[in-house]
């Protein structure tokens, strides 16, 4: 791979806007201002392991499907297992 440290953004972007002041909204922690998204990634990149620069990576077909089904402003709850 020519740029192994690159977190490639492919196919679609769903940009996230935080709703928790001090946690993901406002100041230096703001998800939207930090360009945190759901986005497609190359097929040869593992999505089972941490490796993004803050985004949530999905397979290209999955983000295309999600993009077509989710309206702007839809609430998203991201939790740890």
Protein backbone atom coordinates (compact mmCIF):
# COMPACT_ATOMS: atom_id res chain seq x y z
CA UNK A 1 0.00 0.00 0.00
CA UNK A 2 1.39 3.38 -0.97
CA UNK A 3 0.06 5.29 2.09
CA UNK A 4 -0.26 2.76 4.95
CA UNK A 5 -1.08 5.36 7.62
CA UNK A 6 -3.92 6.88 5.61
CA UNK A 7 -7.53 6.33 6.74
CA UNK A 8 -9.15 6.30 3.29
CA UNK A 9 -12.65 7.73 3.05
CA UNK A 10 -14.59 6.05 0.24
CA UNK A 11 -18.11 5.94 -1.25
CA UNK A 12 -20.24 7.98 1.24
CA UNK A 13 -19.92 10.13 4.36
CA UNK A 14 -22.46 10.48 7.16
CA UNK A 15 -21.09 13.32 9.29
CA UNK A 16 -21.87 13.19 13.01
CA UNK A 17 -22.95 16.11 15.19
CA UNK A 18 -22.64 15.55 18.94
CA UNK A 19 -25.45 16.27 21.36
CA UNK A 20 -23.59 16.06 24.70
CA UNK A 21 -21.99 19.40 25.69
CA UNK A 22 -18.43 18.86 26.89
CA UNK A 23 -18.32 15.29 25.59
CA UNK A 24 -18.91 15.50 21.82
CA UNK A 25 -20.42 18.96 21.35
CA UNK A 26 -18.62 22.28 21.62
CA UNK A 27 -15.01 23.32 22.10
CA UNK A 28 -12.15 21.03 21.12
CA UNK A 29 -14.29 17.90 21.55
CA UNK A 30 -16.95 18.76 18.97
CA UNK A 31 -17.58 15.77 16.67
CA UNK A 32 -18.84 17.90 13.79
CA UNK A 33 -15.97 20.39 13.90
CA UNK A 34 -13.49 17.49 14.12
CA UNK A 35 -15.03 15.89 10.98
CA UNK A 36 -16.08 12.62 12.62
CA UNK A 37 -18.13 10.47 10.24
CA UNK A 38 -19.38 7.08 9.25
CA UNK A 39 -17.58 6.35 5.98
CA UNK A 40 -16.68 3.62 3.52
CA UNK A 41 -13.22 2.08 3.59
CA UNK A 42 -11.12 -0.05 1.21
CA UNK A 43 -12.11 -3.71 1.02
CA UNK A 44 -8.68 -4.86 2.24
CA UNK A 45 -8.92 -2.90 5.52
CA UNK A 46 -10.12 -4.77 8.60
CA UNK A 47 -13.13 -3.13 10.22
CA UNK A 48 -12.92 -5.47 13.23
CA UNK A 49 -9.86 -3.69 14.63
CA UNK A 50 -9.33 -0.09 15.78
CA UNK A 51 -7.55 1.86 13.08
CA UNK A 52 -9.54 4.93 12.19
CA UNK A 53 -8.61 8.50 13.12
CA UNK A 54 -11.87 8.86 15.04
CA UNK A 55 -14.41 7.83 12.43
CA UNK A 56 -16.55 4.72 12.17
CA UNK A 57 -15.57 2.70 9.13
CA UNK A 58 -18.00 0.50 7.24
CA UNK A 59 -17.74 -1.69 4.19
CA UNK A 60 -18.52 0.34 1.07
CA UNK A 61 -21.77 -1.49 0.30
CA UNK A 62 -22.92 -1.09 3.90
CA UNK A 63 -22.39 2.69 3.94
CA UNK A 64 -24.13 3.05 0.55
CA UNK A 65 -27.12 1.13 1.93
CA UNK A 66 -27.14 3.12 5.19
CA UNK A 67 -26.79 6.44 3.35
CA UNK A 68 -29.83 5.64 1.23
CA UNK A 69 -31.98 4.68 4.25
CA UNK A 70 -31.10 7.28 6.90
CA UNK A 71 -32.51 10.80 6.82
CA UNK A 72 -30.44 13.83 7.83
CA UNK A 73 -30.88 14.55 11.54
CA UNK A 74 -31.52 10.91 12.51
CA UNK A 75 -30.27 10.37 16.08
CA UNK A 76 -27.38 7.92 16.40
CA UNK A 77 -26.36 6.29 19.68
CA UNK A 78 -22.78 4.95 19.71
CA UNK A 79 -21.86 2.75 22.65
CA UNK A 80 -19.03 0.44 23.62
CA UNK A 81 -19.71 -3.27 24.04
